[in-house]
Amino acid sequence: MTSRLKISTTFIALCFALSLVRAQDDASVPTTPAAPGKPSSRMITLSDFGAEDLAYLAVPAQPPTVGIVLVPDAYGLDAFTKAEADALATKGYLVVAVDIYNGHATTDPGALANLVANMNADSVMKTVNSGIRLFRESPKFRVDHVVAMGWGAGATFVFQAAREEKYLDGAITFYGPVETRPERVGKFTTPLCAVYPENDPVATHESVVTFQQLMKAAGNDFEAWFIAAGSGWSNPSSKNYNPAEDKEAWKVTLPFLVRISALPPKIQKGPSVIDKAKNAFENFFK
């Protein structure tokens, strides 16, 4: 059951190098066809948005107003993360789940630990920011609002984006970081909704409460919640997987998404001549 600890404080092109729309389809990866009224999904590349990485794009049946950048936990761009993207698309959100391991995937615990140990934080943030740029700059996938969402290891990068990324409208972290040093809190650029395990050896109840107080003192728009489960409650691959409590966590986060979608959209320029050319070029090859 959720326990609320809320603090309410508020892109024929000009040249062939620019031929494809940003976020072009990766022809080597099959596309999941859309049934009538159902979302569609496919792998895309983010190369034109600043990162040489793949991502999983889930497109809702109806025109969306909110784009969500999903940042996976330590398991990477796995079946769980793709399923979450599809589920959110079913609810009407446009979703891109980014690949934090630059194309590498494994289910072997030792190999996974090696991927985590060698993760490059700057590279991951570059990928996250590319996902945000997709929704802000693409002539085809531009939306009114952009939210970043992440679990565990991925939540750390969402947390950083919430602090630094001015083109982000909201952020959601599941079993993510806390900050108890006043000098490290500062002003966040976007509202943050954070969901924590009730009993966690790292993000303890006490540390979360301290974090809330610091966020309030800094004038940040912050919502903190506790879930009666351990870290990893969302992912079936985790020993702490708890589907009942996962439903409780979504009861917290979906209203936050609705709230962000109701905000006035940030002022954006219309598609440029280059954007329109790219869009026309992509449609030509559909």
Protein backbone atom coordinates (compact mmCIF):
# COMPACT_ATOMS: atom_id res chain seq x y z
CA MET A 1 0.00 0.00 0.00
CA THR A 2 1.25 3.48 -0.79
CA SER A 3 2.05 5.92 1.95
CA ARG A 4 2.06 9.54 0.81
CA LEU A 5 4.73 11.96 1.97
CA LYS A 6 4.02 14.83 -0.41
CA ILE A 7 5.63 18.23 -0.61
CA SER A 8 3.82 20.59 -3.02
CA THR A 9 6.19 23.45 -3.48
CA THR A 10 5.52 23.83 -8.92
CA PHE A 11 12.76 18.87 -35.73
CA ILE A 12 14.28 15.68 -50.78
CA ALA A 13 16.33 17.11 -47.34
CA LEU A 14 18.88 19.84 -47.91
CA CYS A 15 21.50 17.16 -48.21
CA PHE A 16 21.39 13.40 -48.00
CA ALA A 17 23.24 13.45 -44.69
CA LEU A 18 20.12 15.07 -43.27
CA SER A 19 17.84 12.79 -45.23
CA LEU A 20 16.06 10.77 -42.58
CA VAL A 21 13.92 12.19 -39.84
CA ARG A 22 15.59 12.26 -36.49
CA ALA A 23 14.81 9.03 -34.76
CA GLN A 24 14.87 6.95 -37.96
CA ASP A 25 13.78 3.30 -37.93
CA ASP A 26 16.47 0.66 -37.54
CA ALA A 27 15.75 -1.59 -40.52
CA SER A 28 17.56 -4.50 -38.90
CA VAL A 29 15.01 -4.74 -36.09
CA PRO A 30 11.47 -5.97 -36.73
CA THR A 31 8.58 -3.63 -36.10
CA THR A 32 5.61 -4.67 -34.03
CA PRO A 33 2.57 -3.89 -36.19
CA ALA A 34 -0.30 -1.96 -34.70
CA ALA A 35 -3.67 -3.61 -34.42
CA PRO A 36 -6.65 -1.29 -34.95
CA GLY A 37 -6.78 1.12 -32.05
CA LYS A 38 -3.61 -0.36 -30.53
CA PRO A 39 -0.19 1.27 -30.09
CA SER A 40 2.70 0.34 -32.37
CA SER A 41 6.32 -0.19 -31.37
CA ARG A 42 9.71 -0.45 -33.03
CA MET A 43 13.41 0.07 -32.46
CA ILE A 44 14.83 3.40 -33.56
CA THR A 45 18.21 5.13 -33.54
CA LEU A 46 18.95 8.37 -31.74
CA SER A 47 22.02 9.29 -33.80
CA ASP A 48 20.58 12.55 -35.14
CA PHE A 49 19.79 13.64 -31.62
CA GLY A 50 23.28 13.37 -30.20
CA ALA A 51 23.73 9.71 -29.16
CA GLU A 52 24.81 6.68 -31.20
CA ASP A 53 22.34 4.44 -29.44
CA LEU A 54 19.21 2.42 -30.04
CA ALA A 55 15.92 3.01 -28.29
CA TYR A 56 12.52 1.37 -28.18
CA LEU A 57 9.70 3.62 -29.40
CA ALA A 58 6.09 2.91 -28.44
CA VAL A 59 3.51 5.03 -30.28
CA PRO A 60 -0.09 5.35 -29.03
CA ALA A 61 -3.08 5.02 -31.35
CA GLN A 62 -4.18 8.60 -30.69
CA PRO A 63 -2.06 11.78 -31.01
CA PRO A 64 -0.22 12.20 -27.71
CA THR A 65 0.52 15.36 -25.76
CA VAL A 66 3.08 13.80 -23.39
CA GLY A 67 6.30 12.01 -24.31
CA ILE A 68 7.99 9.78 -21.73
CA VAL A 69 11.70 8.94 -21.75
CA LEU A 70 12.16 5.63 -19.94
CA VAL A 71 15.57 4.95 -18.41
CA PRO A 72 16.03 1.26 -17.50
CA ASP A 73 17.38 -0.19 -14.30
CA ALA A 74 20.63 -2.17 -14.25
CA TYR A 75 19.03 -4.93 -16.38
CA GLY A 76 19.09 -2.53 -19.35
CA LEU A 77 16.64 -2.37 -22.23
CA ASP A 78 15.00 -5.67 -21.36
CA ALA A 79 11.58 -7.19 -21.99
CA PHE A 80 10.24 -5.58 -18.81
CA THR A 81 11.21 -2.07 -19.89
CA LYS A 82 9.70 -2.59 -23.35
CA ALA A 83 6.52 -3.94 -21.78
CA GLU A 84 6.27 -0.86 -19.57
CA ALA A 85 6.71 1.35 -22.64
CA ASP A 86 3.91 -0.53 -24.42
CA ALA A 87 1.66 -0.25 -21.38
CA LEU A 88 2.15 3.50 -21.17
CA ALA A 89 1.50 3.84 -24.92
CA THR A 90 -1.77 1.98 -24.39
CA LYS A 91 -2.69 4.75 -21.96
CA GLY A 92 -2.00 7.38 -24.66
CA TYR A 93 1.61 8.33 -23.96
CA LEU A 94 4.39 8.45 -26.57
CA VAL A 95 7.32 6.54 -25.08
CA VAL A 96 10.98 6.08 -25.90
CA ALA A 97 12.92 3.61 -23.75
CA VAL A 98 16.63 4.33 -24.10
CA ASP A 99 19.50 1.83 -24.15
CA ILE A 100 21.95 2.59 -21.34
CA TYR A 101 24.44 -0.10 -22.45
CA ASN A 102 25.00 1.03 -26.05
CA GLY A 103 23.61 -2.11 -27.66
CA HIS A 104 24.96 -4.64 -25.17
CA ALA A 105 22.57 -7.03 -23.47
CA THR A 106 22.98 -10.04 -21.20
CA THR A 107 21.10 -12.12 -18.67
CA ASP A 108 24.26 -13.57 -17.12
CA PRO A 109 24.72 -12.09 -13.61
CA GLY A 110 28.49 -11.81 -13.94
CA ALA A 111 28.34 -10.12 -17.34
CA LEU A 112 25.60 -7.83 -16.08
CA ALA A 113 27.68 -6.82 -13.08
CA ASN A 114 30.52 -6.02 -15.49
CA LEU A 115 28.22 -3.81 -17.58
CA VAL A 116 27.12 -1.95 -14.48
CA ALA A 117 30.69 -1.51 -13.24
CA ASN A 118 31.76 -0.09 -16.61
CA MET A 119 28.76 2.13 -17.14
CA ASN A 120 29.78 5.61 -18.31
CA ALA A 121 27.59 8.18 -16.60
CA ASP A 122 28.31 10.91 -19.14
CA SER A 123 27.41 8.58 -21.99
CA VAL A 124 24.15 7.56 -20.34
CA MET A 125 23.17 11.17 -19.70
CA LYS A 126 23.93 11.93 -23.35
CA THR A 127 21.51 9.15 -24.32
CA VAL A 128 18.83 10.38 -21.92
CA ASN A 129 19.16 13.90 -23.26
CA SER A 130 18.87 12.54 -26.82
CA GLY A 131 15.56 10.99 -25.87
CA ILE A 132 14.38 14.33 -24.55
CA ARG A 133 15.57 16.07 -27.72
CA LEU A 134 13.59 13.56 -29.80
CA PHE A 135 10.35 14.79 -28.25
CA ARG A 136 11.38 18.44 -28.42
CA GLU A 137 12.86 18.60 -31.93
CA SER A 138 11.47 15.82 -34.13
CA PRO A 139 8.90 17.10 -36.64
CA LYS A 140 7.00 13.82 -36.30
CA PHE A 141 7.25 13.04 -32.62
CA ARG A 142 7.22 16.48 -31.02
CA VAL A 143 4.92 16.72 -27.99
CA ASP A 144 3.74 19.42 -25.59
CA HIS A 145 5.30 17.89 -22.49
CA VAL A 146 8.26 15.59 -21.78
CA VAL A 147 8.66 13.45 -18.68
CA ALA A 148 11.64 11.27 -17.75
CA MET A 149 11.03 8.09 -15.76
CA GLY A 150 13.51 5.59 -14.40
CA TRP A 151 14.03 2.65 -12.07
CA GLY A 152 16.97 2.02 -9.75
CA ALA A 153 20.20 2.74 -11.65
CA GLY A 154 18.18 4.51 -14.33
CA ALA A 155 16.46 6.64 -11.69
CA THR A 156 19.83 8.14 -10.83
CA PHE A 157 20.06 9.61 -14.33
CA VAL A 158 16.44 10.77 -14.27
CA PHE A 159 17.23 12.47 -10.97
CA GLN A 160 20.13 14.29 -12.62
CA ALA A 161 17.98 15.28 -15.59
CA ALA A 162 15.36 16.69 -13.21
CA ARG A 163 18.07 18.84 -11.69
CA GLU A 164 19.67 20.03 -14.95
CA GLU A 165 17.47 19.57 -18.04
CA LYS A 166 15.45 22.72 -18.73
CA TYR A 167 13.47 21.05 -21.55
CA LEU A 168 12.01 18.49 -19.17
CA ASP A 169 8.52 19.03 -17.73
CA GLY A 170 8.50 16.33 -15.08
CA ALA A 171 10.46 13.41 -13.66
CA ILE A 172 9.53 10.15 -11.93
CA THR A 173 11.95 7.92 -10.04
CA PHE A 174 11.27 4.43 -8.69
CA TYR A 175 13.62 3.27 -5.90
CA GLY A 176 15.96 6.07 -6.86
CA PRO A 177 18.45 8.27 -5.05
CA VAL A 178 18.01 10.60 -2.13
CA GLU A 179 20.14 13.59 -1.23
CA THR A 180 20.66 14.53 2.41
CA ARG A 181 23.41 17.13 1.98
CA PRO A 182 21.86 20.60 1.89
CA GLU A 183 24.61 21.95 -0.35
CA ARG A 184 23.85 19.25 -2.94
CA VAL A 185 20.11 19.75 -3.20
CA GLY A 186 19.66 23.18 -4.75
CA LYS A 187 16.92 24.13 -7.18
CA PHE A 188 15.48 21.48 -9.49
CA THR A 189 14.31 22.59 -12.94
CA THR A 190 11.23 20.35 -12.98
CA PRO A 191 8.67 18.73 -10.68
CA LEU A 192 9.87 15.40 -9.28
CA CYS A 193 7.75 12.44 -8.14
CA ALA A 194 9.81 9.86 -6.24
CA VAL A 195 8.61 6.46 -5.05
CA TYR A 196 10.70 4.61 -2.46
CA PRO A 197 10.63 1.19 -0.78
CA GLU A 198 9.29 1.37 2.76
CA ASN A 199 12.25 -0.59 4.08
CA ASP A 200 15.48 0.01 2.18
CA PRO A 201 19.04 -0.12 3.58
CA VAL A 202 20.17 2.80 1.40
CA ALA A 203 17.18 5.08 0.85
CA THR A 204 16.01 4.75 4.44
CA HIS A 205 12.76 6.21 5.69
CA GLU A 206 14.70 8.77 7.71
CA SER A 207 16.88 9.85 4.78
CA VAL A 208 13.84 10.28 2.53
CA VAL A 209 12.17 12.48 5.13
CA THR A 210 15.34 14.58 5.38
CA PHE A 211 15.44 14.82 1.58
CA GLN A 212 11.84 16.04 1.54
CA GLN A 213 12.59 18.72 4.06
CA LEU A 214 15.61 19.92 2.08
CA MET A 215 13.64 19.94 -1.18
CA LYS A 216 10.91 21.99 0.46
CA ALA A 217 13.41 24.44 1.89
CA ALA A 218 14.92 24.87 -1.59
CA GLY A 219 11.50 25.67 -3.07
CA ASN A 220 11.26 22.53 -5.20
CA ASP A 221 8.08 20.86 -6.49
CA PHE A 222 8.52 17.42 -4.98
CA GLU A 223 6.29 14.42 -4.18
CA ALA A 224 7.66 11.49 -2.17
CA TRP A 225 5.85 8.21 -1.58
CA PHE A 226 6.61 4.93 0.13
CA ILE A 227 5.66 1.48 -1.21
CA ALA A 228 5.45 -1.56 1.08
CA ALA A 229 7.97 -3.58 -0.96
CA GLY A 230 11.70 -3.81 -1.60
CA SER A 231 13.70 -2.14 -4.36
CA GLY A 232 12.95 -3.85 -7.67
CA TRP A 233 9.27 -4.39 -6.92
CA SER A 234 8.30 -3.58 -10.56
CA ASN A 235 10.55 -5.99 -12.44
CA PRO A 236 9.76 -9.73 -12.65
CA SER A 237 13.52 -10.35 -12.93
CA SER A 238 14.02 -8.98 -9.42
CA LYS A 239 13.84 -11.11 -6.29
CA ASN A 240 11.73 -8.34 -4.78
CA TYR A 241 9.14 -8.36 -7.57
CA ASN A 242 5.77 -7.52 -6.07
CA PRO A 243 2.95 -7.08 -8.62
CA ALA A 244 0.43 -5.97 -6.00
CA GLU A 245 2.65 -3.16 -4.74
CA ASP A 246 3.61 -2.27 -8.31
CA LYS A 247 -0.06 -1.46 -8.91
CA GLU A 248 0.06 0.77 -5.86
CA ALA A 249 3.09 2.60 -7.28
CA TRP A 250 1.23 3.29 -10.54
CA LYS A 251 -1.64 4.74 -8.52
CA VAL A 252 0.89 7.36 -7.46
CA THR A 253 2.63 8.06 -10.74
CA LEU A 254 -0.24 8.09 -13.24
CA PRO A 255 -1.93 11.06 -11.52
CA PHE A 256 1.42 12.86 -11.63
CA LEU A 257 1.53 12.31 -15.42
CA VAL A 258 -2.02 13.65 -15.72
CA ARG A 259 -1.00 16.68 -13.70
CA ILE A 260 1.99 17.39 -15.95
CA SER A 261 -0.15 16.97 -19.09
CA ALA A 262 -2.51 19.66 -17.77
CA LEU A 263 0.24 22.26 -17.47
CA PRO A 264 0.52 24.96 -20.15
CA PRO A 265 2.94 23.73 -22.84
CA LYS A 266 6.28 25.41 -22.98
CA ILE A 267 6.64 27.83 -25.86
CA GLN A 268 8.11 26.03 -28.87
CA LYS A 269 9.05 27.14 -32.34
CA GLY A 270 7.23 25.51 -35.23
CA PRO A 271 9.02 23.03 -37.51
CA SER A 272 11.88 24.58 -39.46
CA VAL A 273 12.38 24.18 -43.20
CA ILE A 274 14.90 21.42 -42.48
CA ASP A 275 12.46 19.69 -40.11
CA LYS A 276 9.73 19.75 -42.77
CA ALA A 277 12.11 18.42 -45.40
CA LYS A 278 13.15 15.56 -43.13
CA ASN A 279 9.58 14.71 -42.34
CA ALA A 280 8.64 14.67 -46.03
CA PHE A 281 11.65 12.51 -46.82
CA GLU A 282 10.73 9.97 -44.13
CA ASN A 283 7.12 9.81 -45.29
CA PHE A 284 8.35 9.22 -48.87
CA PHE A 285 10.02 6.00 -47.74
CA LYS A 286 7.12 4.68 -45.65
